[in-house]
Protein backbone atom coordinates (compact mmCIF):
# COMPACT_ATOMS: atom_id res chain seq x y z
CA MET A 1 113.49 -77.69 102.35
CA SER A 2 110.33 -77.99 99.96
CA THR A 3 110.74 -77.45 96.40
CA ASP A 4 106.87 -77.20 95.76
CA LEU A 5 105.93 -73.75 94.18
CA HIS A 6 103.30 -71.80 95.53
CA PRO A 7 100.09 -72.02 93.59
CA SER A 8 99.98 -68.77 92.52
CA ILE A 9 103.54 -68.79 90.90
CA VAL A 10 102.22 -72.29 89.24
CA ALA A 11 99.31 -70.17 87.94
CA LEU A 12 101.18 -67.12 86.79
CA VAL A 13 103.61 -69.53 84.76
CA SER A 14 100.70 -71.35 83.33
CA LEU A 15 98.99 -68.07 82.32
CA ALA A 16 102.37 -66.77 80.72
CA ALA A 17 102.97 -70.31 78.91
CA ASN A 18 99.36 -70.43 77.68
CA ILE A 19 99.69 -66.80 76.13
CA ALA A 20 103.16 -67.19 74.79
CA ALA A 21 102.23 -70.60 73.31
CA ASN A 22 99.12 -69.06 71.46
CA HIS A 23 96.89 -71.76 73.34
CA PRO A 24 93.51 -71.72 72.18
CA LYS A 25 92.26 -71.31 75.95
CA GLN A 26 94.76 -68.39 76.36
CA GLY A 27 94.99 -69.23 80.27
CA LEU A 28 91.89 -67.39 81.11
CA CYS A 29 91.20 -70.10 83.89
CA GLN A 30 94.44 -69.03 85.49
CA VAL A 31 93.19 -65.44 85.73
CA GLU A 32 90.10 -66.43 88.03
CA ARG A 33 92.55 -68.56 90.36
CA LEU A 34 95.09 -66.00 90.34
CA LYS A 35 92.51 -63.61 91.75
CA GLY A 36 91.32 -66.12 94.10
CA TYR A 37 94.83 -66.11 95.37
CA GLY A 38 94.89 -62.40 95.71
CA VAL A 39 97.27 -61.52 93.03
CA SER A 40 96.84 -58.07 91.85
CA ARG A 41 95.42 -57.10 88.63
CA GLU A 42 98.66 -54.93 88.11
CA GLN A 43 100.58 -58.37 88.66
CA ILE A 44 98.59 -60.20 86.15
CA ASP A 45 98.82 -57.47 83.59
CA THR A 46 102.50 -57.32 83.70
CA VAL A 47 102.69 -61.20 83.22
CA ILE A 48 100.34 -60.86 80.28
CA GLU A 49 102.34 -58.03 78.68
CA ILE A 50 105.70 -59.88 79.12
CA ALA A 51 104.26 -63.05 77.77
CA ARG A 52 102.77 -61.36 74.61
CA HIS A 53 106.02 -59.62 74.16
CA ILE A 54 107.94 -62.87 74.10
CA ARG A 55 105.36 -64.28 71.79
CA ASP A 56 105.40 -61.66 69.21
CA GLU A 57 109.08 -61.35 69.51
CA ALA A 58 109.32 -64.95 68.73
CA ALA A 59 107.04 -64.76 65.78
CA GLN A 60 108.78 -61.50 64.13
CA THR A 61 112.39 -63.76 64.60
CA LEU A 62 110.67 -66.57 62.71
CA ASP A 63 109.28 -64.31 60.21
CA ALA A 64 112.64 -62.71 59.48
CA ARG A 65 114.39 -65.93 59.26
CA PHE A 66 111.81 -67.42 56.83
CA ASP A 67 112.03 -64.25 54.88
CA GLU A 68 115.91 -64.57 54.58
CA ALA A 69 115.69 -68.34 53.53
CA CYS A 70 112.87 -67.31 51.12
CA ALA A 71 114.78 -64.81 49.86
CA ALA A 72 117.64 -67.16 48.73
CA HIS A 73 115.54 -68.63 46.13
CA PHE A 74 114.78 -65.77 44.41
CA PRO A 75 117.52 -63.44 42.61
CA ARG A 76 115.75 -60.11 43.31
CA ALA A 77 115.00 -60.76 47.25
CA ALA A 78 115.68 -57.26 48.64
CA VAL A 79 111.78 -56.63 48.59
CA LYS A 80 110.30 -58.20 51.76
CA LEU A 81 107.72 -60.78 51.13
CA ALA A 82 104.22 -59.39 50.39
CA GLY A 83 105.47 -55.84 51.05
CA ILE A 84 105.15 -56.60 54.85
CA ALA A 85 108.49 -55.48 56.86
CA VAL A 86 109.47 -57.43 59.88
CA ALA A 87 111.25 -55.93 62.79
CA GLU A 88 114.53 -57.54 63.35
CA SER A 89 116.30 -57.37 66.72
CA GLY A 90 119.61 -58.68 67.33
CA ALA A 91 119.09 -58.30 71.01
CA CYS A 92 118.34 -61.33 73.31
CA CYS A 93 115.77 -59.61 75.29
CA THR A 94 114.26 -56.35 74.39
CA PRO A 95 111.62 -54.52 76.84
CA THR A 96 107.83 -54.54 76.45
CA PRO A 97 106.23 -51.49 75.12
CA SER A 98 105.82 -50.24 78.65
CA GLY A 99 109.32 -50.78 79.15
CA LYS A 100 109.15 -53.88 81.47
CA SER A 101 111.93 -56.24 81.04
CA CYS A 102 111.10 -59.98 79.90
CA CYS A 103 114.50 -61.40 81.12
């Protein structure tokens, strides 16, 4: 039994990781590979949407934790930092804007 992944799966994982990690190259070279492997535009779009959702969810969680920690240093901390609200979610995984699951 082979444990090697098909190159299209590796390219999809790489694309998602690059996007979620905010890599400067954003995985654009993977898109060309995926097209060459015959992966549909819809499948690539789904991977991009999920990766961006995970990236954005992680950033919001980090921002909320930072706001909480920073607020502990100030007595009137009910006001969000710089007046910017941070969406908080207690769920492990929330759906993407189009309703796709990231889990």
